Amino acid sequence: MITAGADIVSVYHAATTHCFYNGRVRRRHTPRAVLFDLDDTLFDHEQAARAALASVHGMHDVFAEWPFDAFEQAHSRVLEELHLEVLAGGRTVDEAREARFRRLFAAAGADEDHERVRTTAVAYRDAYLAARRPVEGALAVLAALKPHVRIAIVSNNLLAEQQGKMRLCGFDPYVDALVVSEAVGVAKPDPRIFAHALAALDCEAAAAVMVGDSWPADVEGARAAGIRAIWFNRSRRSAPAGSSAVCEVASLVPMDAIIHAIFPDDAPSDHGIPLRCASA
């Protein structure tokens, strides 16, 4: 198993003896750069959102009468709709948060109450900030990769929001470029946002890898930009019907799976790491 402080080159030498030919290691496709999504790949947005939602679920009878799973699903749908408006500049984050809870109160059959909407939105934000944390193993993976590749974060969100998550999680020392849709004017899956990241890292697409949890934004977006994709699939969802195979990793702990997915030419097939290719 690769430990948090392991030297990746040492791991290659220990685990890839079958790749040695005439004393040399075959590394024709070893990447020079790794691009990561942030939310729900390195930063645990899902956990923070669930904790915040649980805190407001019990604040009001109209929410508490709603089964939490159904409440969470409704919240996620509205969040995604309004997040697109935020990215497009149609609403501020605070406006979108209040609009989100206004819609949820309406869906629960409650009368409109502006003060109740405002206080609920504030309570949600406070609970979200208190629950922020990295995905388990994320910091160790970045630390292990840093001496060997350049690293960028490519994210669809607001710059200040993502900078705050980076600082909180301690990612800054390991990341060479933070590329956020608000700052560059385009969002994943548009290939142009990946081009911004590659330019910042001085790397060609063929020498880069993208790791992310969103199939349309991260996997399809990276492929459209000519970048090899790795699907970070913690919930073990099925790949879209008719999709071509992609390397899939379900956890960053232990880090063996993600390291060997990033460096496939150096990973022995008999290592015992459960790397599986997803295709429908």
C-alpha atoms as a PDB file:
ATOM      1  CA  MET A   1       0.000   0.000   0.000  1.00  0.00           C
ATOM      2  CA  ILE A   2       1.238   3.526  -0.776  1.00  0.00           C
ATOM      3  CA  THR A   3       1.485   5.633   2.356  1.00  0.00           C
ATOM      4  CA  ALA A   4       0.892   9.363   2.657  1.00  0.00           C
ATOM      5  CA  GLY A   5       4.595  10.133   2.717  1.00  0.00           C
ATOM      6  CA  ALA A   6       5.608   7.649   0.052  1.00  0.00           C
ATOM      7  CA  ASP A   7       7.877   8.643  -2.805  1.00  0.00           C
ATOM      8  CA  ILE A   8       6.034   7.745  -5.999  1.00  0.00           C
ATOM      9  CA  VAL A   9       9.250   6.901  -7.845  1.00  0.00           C
ATOM     10  CA  SER A  10      10.117   4.407  -5.107  1.00  0.00           C
ATOM     11  CA  VAL A  11       6.661   2.905  -5.448  1.00  0.00           C
ATOM     12  CA  TYR A  12       7.217   2.507  -9.188  1.00  0.00           C
ATOM     13  CA  HIS A  13      10.452   0.643  -8.576  1.00  0.00           C
ATOM     14  CA  ALA A  14       8.906  -1.596  -5.929  1.00  0.00           C
ATOM     15  CA  ALA A  15       5.750  -2.427  -7.857  1.00  0.00           C
ATOM     16  CA  THR A  16       6.668  -2.421 -11.551  1.00  0.00           C
ATOM     17  CA  THR A  17       9.482  -4.916 -11.996  1.00  0.00           C
ATOM     18  CA  HIS A  18       7.727  -6.408 -15.011  1.00  0.00           C
ATOM     19  CA  CYS A  19       8.011  -3.001 -16.746  1.00  0.00           C
ATOM     20  CA  PHE A  20      11.799  -2.957 -16.742  1.00  0.00           C
ATOM     21  CA  TYR A  21      13.396  -3.515 -20.132  1.00  0.00           C
ATOM     22  CA  ASN A  22      17.194  -3.293 -20.441  1.00  0.00           C
ATOM     23  CA  GLY A  23      17.330  -1.545 -17.082  1.00  0.00           C
ATOM     24  CA  ARG A  24      14.849   1.154 -18.060  1.00  0.00           C
ATOM     25  CA  VAL A  25      11.258   1.739 -16.997  1.00  0.00           C
ATOM     26  CA  ARG A  26       8.667   2.093 -19.751  1.00  0.00           C
ATOM     27  CA  ARG A  27       6.903   5.415 -19.106  1.00  0.00           C
ATOM     28  CA  ARG A  28       5.749   6.603 -22.475  1.00  0.00           C
ATOM     29  CA  HIS A  29       2.467   7.952 -21.121  1.00  0.00           C
ATOM     30  CA  THR A  30       3.481   9.163 -17.668  1.00  0.00           C
ATOM     31  CA  PRO A  31       1.601  12.447 -17.170  1.00  0.00           C
ATOM     32  CA  ARG A  32       3.319  15.731 -16.468  1.00  0.00           C
ATOM     33  CA  ALA A  33       0.217  17.392 -15.017  1.00  0.00           C
ATOM     34  CA  VAL A  34      -2.881  16.367 -13.080  1.00  0.00           C
ATOM     35  CA  LEU A  35      -6.055  18.454 -13.098  1.00  0.00           C
ATOM     36  CA  PHE A  36      -8.535  17.967 -10.267  1.00  0.00           C
ATOM     37  CA  ASP A  37     -12.100  19.070  -9.807  1.00  0.00           C
ATOM     38  CA  LEU A  38     -12.613  20.613  -6.354  1.00  0.00           C
ATOM     39  CA  ASP A  39     -16.155  20.056  -5.070  1.00  0.00           C
ATOM     40  CA  ASP A  40     -16.793  16.390  -4.212  1.00  0.00           C
ATOM     41  CA  THR A  41     -13.405  15.359  -5.581  1.00  0.00           C
ATOM     42  CA  LEU A  42     -10.989  17.031  -3.159  1.00  0.00           C
ATOM     43  CA  PHE A  43     -13.391  19.127  -1.055  1.00  0.00           C
ATOM     44  CA  ASP A  44     -16.323  17.279   0.549  1.00  0.00           C
ATOM     45  CA  HIS A  45     -19.169  19.558  -0.525  1.00  0.00           C
ATOM     46  CA  GLU A  46     -21.746  16.766  -0.269  1.00  0.00           C
ATOM     47  CA  GLN A  47     -20.976  16.138   3.397  1.00  0.00           C
ATOM     48  CA  ALA A  48     -21.018  19.847   4.270  1.00  0.00           C
ATOM     49  CA  ALA A  49     -24.273  20.420   2.386  1.00  0.00           C
ATOM     50  CA  ARG A  50     -25.916  17.428   4.063  1.00  0.00           C
ATOM     51  CA  ALA A  51     -24.875  18.605   7.524  1.00  0.00           C
ATOM     52  CA  ALA A  52     -26.165  22.122   6.815  1.00  0.00           C
ATOM     53  CA  LEU A  53     -29.412  20.816   5.396  1.00  0.00           C
ATOM     54  CA  ALA A  54     -29.952  18.572   8.415  1.00  0.00           C
ATOM     55  CA  SER A  55     -29.587  21.606  10.671  1.00  0.00           C
ATOM     56  CA  VAL A  56     -32.330  23.570   8.892  1.00  0.00           C
ATOM     57  CA  HIS A  57     -34.549  20.519   8.353  1.00  0.00           C
ATOM     58  CA  GLY A  58     -35.441  20.576  12.037  1.00  0.00           C
ATOM     59  CA  MET A  59     -35.846  24.358  12.288  1.00  0.00           C
ATOM     60  CA  HIS A  60     -39.358  24.480  10.842  1.00  0.00           C
ATOM     61  CA  ASP A  61     -42.304  22.096  11.151  1.00  0.00           C
ATOM     62  CA  VAL A  62     -43.023  22.286   7.415  1.00  0.00           C
ATOM     63  CA  PHE A  63     -39.526  20.934   6.723  1.00  0.00           C
ATOM     64  CA  ALA A  64     -39.472  18.422   9.586  1.00  0.00           C
ATOM     65  CA  GLU A  65     -42.656  16.804   8.238  1.00  0.00           C
ATOM     66  CA  TRP A  66     -40.810  16.200   4.949  1.00  0.00           C
ATOM     67  CA  PRO A  67     -38.748  12.952   4.946  1.00  0.00           C
ATOM     68  CA  PHE A  68     -35.111  14.022   4.963  1.00  0.00           C
ATOM     69  CA  ASP A  69     -34.104  12.020   1.869  1.00  0.00           C
ATOM     70  CA  ALA A  70     -36.877  13.647  -0.171  1.00  0.00           C
ATOM     71  CA  PHE A  71     -36.024  17.049   1.298  1.00  0.00           C
ATOM     72  CA  GLU A  72     -32.370  16.571   0.344  1.00  0.00           C
ATOM     73  CA  GLN A  73     -33.258  15.531  -3.207  1.00  0.00           C
ATOM     74  CA  ALA A  74     -35.509  18.562  -3.661  1.00  0.00           C
ATOM     75  CA  HIS A  75     -32.797  20.827  -2.280  1.00  0.00           C
ATOM     76  CA  SER A  76     -30.197  19.353  -4.646  1.00  0.00           C
ATOM     77  CA  ARG A  77     -32.408  19.913  -7.698  1.00  0.00           C
ATOM     78  CA  VAL A  78     -33.063  23.542  -6.813  1.00  0.00           C
ATOM     79  CA  LEU A  79     -29.416  24.121  -5.888  1.00  0.00           C
ATOM     80  CA  GLU A  80     -28.217  22.912  -9.281  1.00  0.00           C
ATOM     81  CA  GLU A  81     -30.740  25.084 -11.132  1.00  0.00           C
ATOM     82  CA  LEU A  82     -29.829  28.235  -9.226  1.00  0.00           C
ATOM     83  CA  HIS A  83     -26.092  27.527  -9.283  1.00  0.00           C
ATOM     84  CA  LEU A  84     -26.199  27.816 -13.072  1.00  0.00           C
ATOM     85  CA  GLU A  85     -27.757  31.269 -12.687  1.00  0.00           C
ATOM     86  CA  VAL A  86     -24.987  32.271 -10.269  1.00  0.00           C
ATOM     87  CA  LEU A  87     -22.304  31.104 -12.699  1.00  0.00           C
ATOM     88  CA  ALA A  88     -23.997  33.076 -15.473  1.00  0.00           C
ATOM     89  CA  GLY A  89     -24.039  36.220 -13.321  1.00  0.00           C
ATOM     90  CA  GLY A  90     -27.819  36.295 -12.996  1.00  0.00           C
ATOM     91  CA  ARG A  91     -27.846  36.143  -9.189  1.00  0.00           C
ATOM     92  CA  THR A  92     -25.426  36.634  -6.329  1.00  0.00           C
ATOM     93  CA  VAL A  93     -24.676  33.651  -4.094  1.00  0.00           C
ATOM     94  CA  ASP A  94     -26.727  35.155  -1.262  1.00  0.00           C
ATOM     95  CA  GLU A  95     -29.670  35.841  -3.581  1.00  0.00           C
ATOM     96  CA  ALA A  96     -29.540  32.293  -4.902  1.00  0.00           C
ATOM     97  CA  ARG A  97     -29.438  30.830  -1.391  1.00  0.00           C
ATOM     98  CA  GLU A  98     -32.538  32.781  -0.349  1.00  0.00           C
ATOM     99  CA  ALA A  99     -34.291  31.860  -3.596  1.00  0.00           C
ATOM    100  CA  ARG A 100     -33.477  28.207  -2.913  1.00  0.00           C
ATOM    101  CA  PHE A 101     -35.194  28.195   0.457  1.00  0.00           C
ATOM    102  CA  ARG A 102     -38.074  30.301  -0.832  1.00  0.00           C
ATOM    103  CA  ARG A 103     -38.742  27.536  -3.374  1.00  0.00           C
ATOM    104  CA  LEU A 104     -38.418  24.822  -0.736  1.00  0.00           C
ATOM    105  CA  PHE A 105     -40.894  26.563   1.588  1.00  0.00           C
ATOM    106  CA  ALA A 106     -43.291  26.921  -1.333  1.00  0.00           C
ATOM    107  CA  ALA A 107     -42.878  23.244  -2.234  1.00  0.00           C
ATOM    108  CA  ALA A 108     -43.683  22.342   1.390  1.00  0.00           C
ATOM    109  CA  GLY A 109     -46.903  24.359   1.165  1.00  0.00           C
ATOM    110  CA  ALA A 110     -45.809  27.162   3.500  1.00  0.00           C
ATOM    111  CA  ASP A 111     -46.924  30.764   3.142  1.00  0.00           C
ATOM    112  CA  GLU A 112     -44.251  33.162   1.978  1.00  0.00           C
ATOM    113  CA  ASP A 113     -42.350  34.770   4.837  1.00  0.00           C
ATOM    114  CA  HIS A 114     -39.342  36.853   3.811  1.00  0.00           C
ATOM    115  CA  GLU A 115     -37.782  36.955   7.274  1.00  0.00           C
ATOM    116  CA  ARG A 116     -38.108  33.185   7.710  1.00  0.00           C
ATOM    117  CA  VAL A 117     -36.462  32.644   4.330  1.00  0.00           C
ATOM    118  CA  ARG A 118     -33.619  34.985   5.228  1.00  0.00           C
ATOM    119  CA  THR A 119     -32.899  33.474   8.638  1.00  0.00           C
ATOM    120  CA  THR A 120     -33.045  29.938   7.221  1.00  0.00           C
ATOM    121  CA  ALA A 121     -30.596  30.840   4.456  1.00  0.00           C
ATOM    122  CA  VAL A 122     -28.209  32.371   7.002  1.00  0.00           C
ATOM    123  CA  ALA A 123     -28.485  29.328   9.277  1.00  0.00           C
ATOM    124  CA  TYR A 124     -27.745  27.011   6.355  1.00  0.00           C
ATOM    125  CA  ARG A 125     -24.659  28.998   5.355  1.00  0.00           C
ATOM    126  CA  ASP A 126     -23.322  29.076   8.916  1.00  0.00           C
ATOM    127  CA  ALA A 127     -23.771  25.315   9.288  1.00  0.00           C
ATOM    128  CA  TYR A 128     -22.172  24.682   5.881  1.00  0.00           C
ATOM    129  CA  LEU A 129     -19.086  26.712   6.807  1.00  0.00           C
ATOM    130  CA  ALA A 130     -18.765  24.865  10.116  1.00  0.00           C
ATOM    131  CA  ALA A 131     -18.928  21.473   8.368  1.00  0.00           C
ATOM    132  CA  ARG A 132     -16.369  22.124   5.599  1.00  0.00           C
ATOM    133  CA  ARG A 133     -13.572  19.578   5.242  1.00  0.00           C
ATOM    134  CA  PRO A 134     -11.513  17.840   2.541  1.00  0.00           C
ATOM    135  CA  VAL A 135     -12.487  14.510   1.057  1.00  0.00           C
ATOM    136  CA  GLU A 136     -10.725  11.823   3.059  1.00  0.00           C
ATOM    137  CA  GLY A 137      -7.227  11.274   1.696  1.00  0.00           C
ATOM    138  CA  ALA A 138      -7.217  14.334  -0.575  1.00  0.00           C
ATOM    139  CA  LEU A 139      -4.372  16.163   1.156  1.00  0.00           C
ATOM    140  CA  ALA A 140      -2.182  13.054   1.247  1.00  0.00           C
ATOM    141  CA  VAL A 141      -2.738  12.430  -2.477  1.00  0.00           C
ATOM    142  CA  LEU A 142      -1.776  16.003  -3.373  1.00  0.00           C
ATOM    143  CA  ALA A 143       1.328  15.802  -1.172  1.00  0.00           C
ATOM    144  CA  ALA A 144       2.405  12.536  -2.811  1.00  0.00           C
ATOM    145  CA  LEU A 145       1.853  13.854  -6.340  1.00  0.00           C
ATOM    146  CA  LYS A 146       3.392  17.298  -5.903  1.00  0.00           C
ATOM    147  CA  PRO A 147       7.091  16.340  -6.344  1.00  0.00           C
ATOM    148  CA  HIS A 148       6.353  14.559  -9.615  1.00  0.00           C
ATOM    149  CA  VAL A 149       3.667  16.498 -11.523  1.00  0.00           C
ATOM    150  CA  ARG A 150       2.193  19.971 -11.793  1.00  0.00           C
ATOM    151  CA  ILE A 151      -1.286  20.256 -10.271  1.00  0.00           C
ATOM    152  CA  ALA A 152      -4.271  22.427 -11.138  1.00  0.00           C
ATOM    153  CA  ILE A 153      -7.778  22.722  -9.749  1.00  0.00           C
ATOM    154  CA  VAL A 154     -10.464  23.262 -12.415  1.00  0.00           C
ATOM    155  CA  SER A 155     -13.796  24.252 -10.892  1.00  0.00           C
ATOM    156  CA  ASN A 156     -17.195  25.656 -11.839  1.00  0.00           C
ATOM    157  CA  ASN A 157     -17.841  28.158  -9.084  1.00  0.00           C
ATOM    158  CA  LEU A 158     -16.976  31.592  -7.740  1.00  0.00           C
ATOM    159  CA  LEU A 159     -13.315  32.392  -7.185  1.00  0.00           C
ATOM    160  CA  ALA A 160     -13.568  33.657  -3.596  1.00  0.00           C
ATOM    161  CA  GLU A 161     -15.662  30.650  -2.567  1.00  0.00           C
ATOM    162  CA  GLN A 162     -13.129  28.180  -3.935  1.00  0.00           C
ATOM    163  CA  GLN A 163     -10.144  30.088  -2.560  1.00  0.00           C
ATOM    164  CA  GLY A 164     -11.701  29.830   0.892  1.00  0.00           C
ATOM    165  CA  LYS A 165     -12.098  26.057   0.569  1.00  0.00           C
ATOM    166  CA  MET A 166      -8.514  25.722  -0.626  1.00  0.00           C
ATOM    167  CA  ARG A 167      -7.153  27.632   2.372  1.00  0.00           C
ATOM    168  CA  LEU A 168      -9.329  25.758   4.858  1.00  0.00           C
ATOM    169  CA  CYS A 169      -8.302  22.352   3.522  1.00  0.00           C
ATOM    170  CA  GLY A 170      -4.600  23.206   3.280  1.00  0.00           C
ATOM    171  CA  PHE A 171      -4.421  22.585  -0.470  1.00  0.00           C
ATOM    172  CA  ASP A 172      -2.626  25.803  -1.454  1.00  0.00           C
ATOM    173  CA  PRO A 173       0.993  24.574  -1.060  1.00  0.00           C
ATOM    174  CA  TYR A 174       0.354  21.668  -3.427  1.00  0.00           C
ATOM    175  CA  VAL A 175      -1.577  23.425  -6.211  1.00  0.00           C
ATOM    176  CA  ASP A 176       0.167  25.296  -9.021  1.00  0.00           C
ATOM    177  CA  ALA A 177      -2.976  26.816 -10.577  1.00  0.00           C
ATOM    178  CA  LEU A 178      -6.560  27.440  -9.479  1.00  0.00           C
ATOM    179  CA  VAL A 179      -8.763  27.807 -12.554  1.00  0.00           C
ATOM    180  CA  VAL A 180     -12.325  28.851 -11.679  1.00  0.00           C
ATOM    181  CA  SER A 181     -15.141  29.464 -14.144  1.00  0.00           C
ATOM    182  CA  GLU A 182     -16.008  32.893 -12.718  1.00  0.00           C
ATOM    183  CA  ALA A 183     -12.456  34.107 -13.305  1.00  0.00           C
ATOM    184  CA  VAL A 184     -11.905  32.711 -16.808  1.00  0.00           C
ATOM    185  CA  GLY A 185     -15.412  33.266 -18.183  1.00  0.00           C
ATOM    186  CA  VAL A 186     -16.148  29.694 -19.280  1.00  0.00           C
ATOM    187  CA  ALA A 187     -17.252  26.613 -17.350  1.00  0.00           C
ATOM    188  CA  LYS A 188     -16.773  22.867 -17.669  1.00  0.00           C
ATOM    189  CA  PRO A 189     -17.440  21.004 -19.901  1.00  0.00           C
ATOM    190  CA  ASP A 190     -16.293  23.770 -22.283  1.00  0.00           C
ATOM    191  CA  PRO A 191     -12.803  22.732 -23.498  1.00  0.00           C
ATOM    192  CA  ARG A 192     -11.605  26.317 -23.102  1.00  0.00           C
ATOM    193  CA  ILE A 193     -11.496  26.116 -19.313  1.00  0.00           C
ATOM    194  CA  PHE A 194      -9.236  23.067 -19.594  1.00  0.00           C
ATOM    195  CA  ALA A 195      -7.078  24.994 -22.072  1.00  0.00           C
ATOM    196  CA  HIS A 196      -6.670  27.741 -19.454  1.00  0.00           C
ATOM    197  CA  ALA A 197      -5.456  25.147 -16.947  1.00  0.00           C
ATOM    198  CA  LEU A 198      -3.040  23.553 -19.397  1.00  0.00           C
ATOM    199  CA  ALA A 199      -1.601  26.949 -20.314  1.00  0.00           C
ATOM    200  CA  ALA A 200      -1.122  27.783 -16.631  1.00  0.00           C
ATOM    201  CA  LEU A 201       0.794  24.528 -16.164  1.00  0.00           C
ATOM    202  CA  ASP A 202       2.693  24.809 -19.470  1.00  0.00           C
ATOM    203  CA  CYS A 203       1.501  21.342 -20.423  1.00  0.00           C
ATOM    204  CA  GLU A 204      -0.028  19.740 -23.503  1.00  0.00           C
ATOM    205  CA  ALA A 205      -3.347  17.927 -23.282  1.00  0.00           C
ATOM    206  CA  ALA A 206      -1.779  14.563 -24.135  1.00  0.00           C
ATOM    207  CA  ALA A 207       0.495  14.851 -21.090  1.00  0.00           C
ATOM    208  CA  ALA A 208      -2.297  15.638 -18.613  1.00  0.00           C
ATOM    209  CA  VAL A 209      -4.943  13.740 -16.650  1.00  0.00           C
ATOM    210  CA  MET A 210      -8.256  15.059 -15.277  1.00  0.00           C
ATOM    211  CA  VAL A 211      -9.796  13.641 -12.081  1.00  0.00           C
ATOM    212  CA  GLY A 212     -13.371  14.596 -11.223  1.00  0.00           C
ATOM    213  CA  ASP A 213     -16.721  13.347  -9.959  1.00  0.00           C
ATOM    214  CA  SER A 214     -19.024  14.811 -12.627  1.00  0.00           C
ATOM    215  CA  TRP A 215     -19.424  12.696 -15.753  1.00  0.00           C
ATOM    216  CA  PRO A 216     -20.618  15.540 -18.027  1.00  0.00           C
ATOM    217  CA  ALA A 217     -18.386  18.295 -16.649  1.00  0.00           C
ATOM    218  CA  ASP A 218     -15.191  16.429 -15.799  1.00  0.00           C
ATOM    219  CA  VAL A 219     -15.103  13.238 -17.855  1.00  0.00           C
ATOM    220  CA  GLU A 220     -16.763  14.430 -21.052  1.00  0.00           C
ATOM    221  CA  GLY A 221     -15.259  17.899 -20.720  1.00  0.00           C
ATOM    222  CA  ALA A 222     -11.732  16.546 -20.362  1.00  0.00           C
ATOM    223  CA  ARG A 223     -12.140  14.165 -23.262  1.00  0.00           C
ATOM    224  CA  ALA A 224     -13.398  16.980 -25.475  1.00  0.00           C
ATOM    225  CA  ALA A 225     -10.212  18.850 -24.591  1.00  0.00           C
ATOM    226  CA  GLY A 226      -8.032  15.848 -25.470  1.00  0.00           C
ATOM    227  CA  ILE A 227      -7.237  15.016 -21.840  1.00  0.00           C
ATOM    228  CA  ARG A 228      -7.411  11.527 -20.358  1.00  0.00           C
ATOM    229  CA  ALA A 229     -10.136  11.378 -17.697  1.00  0.00           C
ATOM    230  CA  ILE A 230     -10.472   9.481 -14.426  1.00  0.00           C
ATOM    231  CA  TRP A 231     -13.963   9.314 -12.940  1.00  0.00           C
ATOM    232  CA  PHE A 232     -13.978   9.807  -9.149  1.00  0.00           C
ATOM    233  CA  ASN A 233     -17.153   7.888  -8.368  1.00  0.00           C
ATOM    234  CA  ARG A 234     -17.634   7.683  -4.598  1.00  0.00           C
ATOM    235  CA  SER A 235     -21.301   6.716  -4.877  1.00  0.00           C
ATOM    236  CA  ARG A 236     -20.529   4.027  -7.468  1.00  0.00           C
ATOM    237  CA  ARG A 237     -23.056   5.294  -9.984  1.00  0.00           C
ATOM    238  CA  SER A 238     -23.441   3.611 -13.347  1.00  0.00           C
ATOM    239  CA  ALA A 239     -21.810   5.293 -16.313  1.00  0.00           C
ATOM    240  CA  PRO A 240     -24.219   6.828 -18.854  1.00  0.00           C
ATOM    241  CA  ALA A 241     -25.646   4.378 -21.358  1.00  0.00           C
ATOM    242  CA  GLY A 242     -23.538   4.075 -24.474  1.00  0.00           C
ATOM    243  CA  SER A 243     -20.503   5.760 -22.952  1.00  0.00           C
ATOM    244  CA  SER A 244     -17.032   4.547 -23.747  1.00  0.00           C
ATOM    245  CA  ALA A 245     -14.808   3.070 -21.056  1.00  0.00           C
ATOM    246  CA  VAL A 246     -13.110   5.306 -18.498  1.00  0.00           C
ATOM    247  CA  CYS A 247     -10.903   4.502 -15.545  1.00  0.00           C
ATOM    248  CA  GLU A 248     -12.938   4.773 -12.339  1.00  0.00           C
ATOM    249  CA  VAL A 249     -11.824   5.209  -8.725  1.00  0.00           C
ATOM    250  CA  ALA A 250     -14.213   5.187  -5.748  1.00  0.00           C
ATOM    251  CA  SER A 251     -11.958   6.450  -2.951  1.00  0.00           C
ATOM    252  CA  LEU A 252      -8.697   8.274  -2.270  1.00  0.00           C
ATOM    253  CA  VAL A 253      -7.995   5.983   0.714  1.00  0.00           C
ATOM    254  CA  PRO A 254      -5.834   4.050   0.388  1.00  0.00           C
ATOM    255  CA  MET A 255      -4.204   6.122  -2.321  1.00  0.00           C
ATOM    256  CA  ASP A 256      -2.977   3.139  -4.354  1.00  0.00           C
ATOM    257  CA  ALA A 257      -6.005   3.171  -6.665  1.00  0.00           C
ATOM    258  CA  ILE A 258      -5.801   6.834  -7.630  1.00  0.00           C
ATOM    259  CA  ILE A 259      -2.005   6.764  -8.024  1.00  0.00           C
ATOM    260  CA  HIS A 260      -2.137   3.746 -10.303  1.00  0.00           C
ATOM    261  CA  ALA A 261      -5.024   5.254 -12.264  1.00  0.00           C
ATOM    262  CA  ILE A 262      -2.970   8.411 -12.869  1.00  0.00           C
ATOM    263  CA  PHE A 263       0.157   6.432 -13.816  1.00  0.00           C
ATOM    264  CA  PRO A 264      -1.290   3.371 -15.625  1.00  0.00           C
ATOM    265  CA  ASP A 265       1.860   2.437 -17.528  1.00  0.00           C
ATOM    266  CA  ASP A 266       3.694   2.068 -14.237  1.00  0.00           C
ATOM    267  CA  ALA A 267       0.998   0.032 -12.472  1.00  0.00           C
ATOM    268  CA  PRO A 268       1.295  -3.770 -12.683  1.00  0.00           C
ATOM    269  CA  SER A 269      -1.879  -5.609 -13.603  1.00  0.00           C
ATOM    270  CA  ASP A 270      -1.313  -8.111 -10.795  1.00  0.00           C
ATOM    271  CA  HIS A 271      -0.853  -5.494  -8.054  1.00  0.00           C
ATOM    272  CA  GLY A 272      -4.275  -6.257  -6.545  1.00  0.00           C
ATOM    273  CA  ILE A 273      -5.543  -2.681  -6.854  1.00  0.00           C
ATOM    274  CA  PRO A 274      -9.216  -2.782  -7.928  1.00  0.00           C
ATOM    275  CA  LEU A 275      -8.946  -0.553 -10.989  1.00  0.00           C
ATOM    276  CA  ARG A 276     -12.018  -1.100 -13.121  1.00  0.00           C
ATOM    277  CA  CYS A 277     -13.097   0.491 -16.343  1.00  0.00           C
ATOM    278  CA  ALA A 278     -16.679   1.709 -16.410  1.00  0.00           C
ATOM    279  CA  SER A 279     -18.761   1.273 -19.526  1.00  0.00           C
ATOM    280  CA  ALA A 280     -22.481   0.872 -19.898  1.00  0.00           C
END
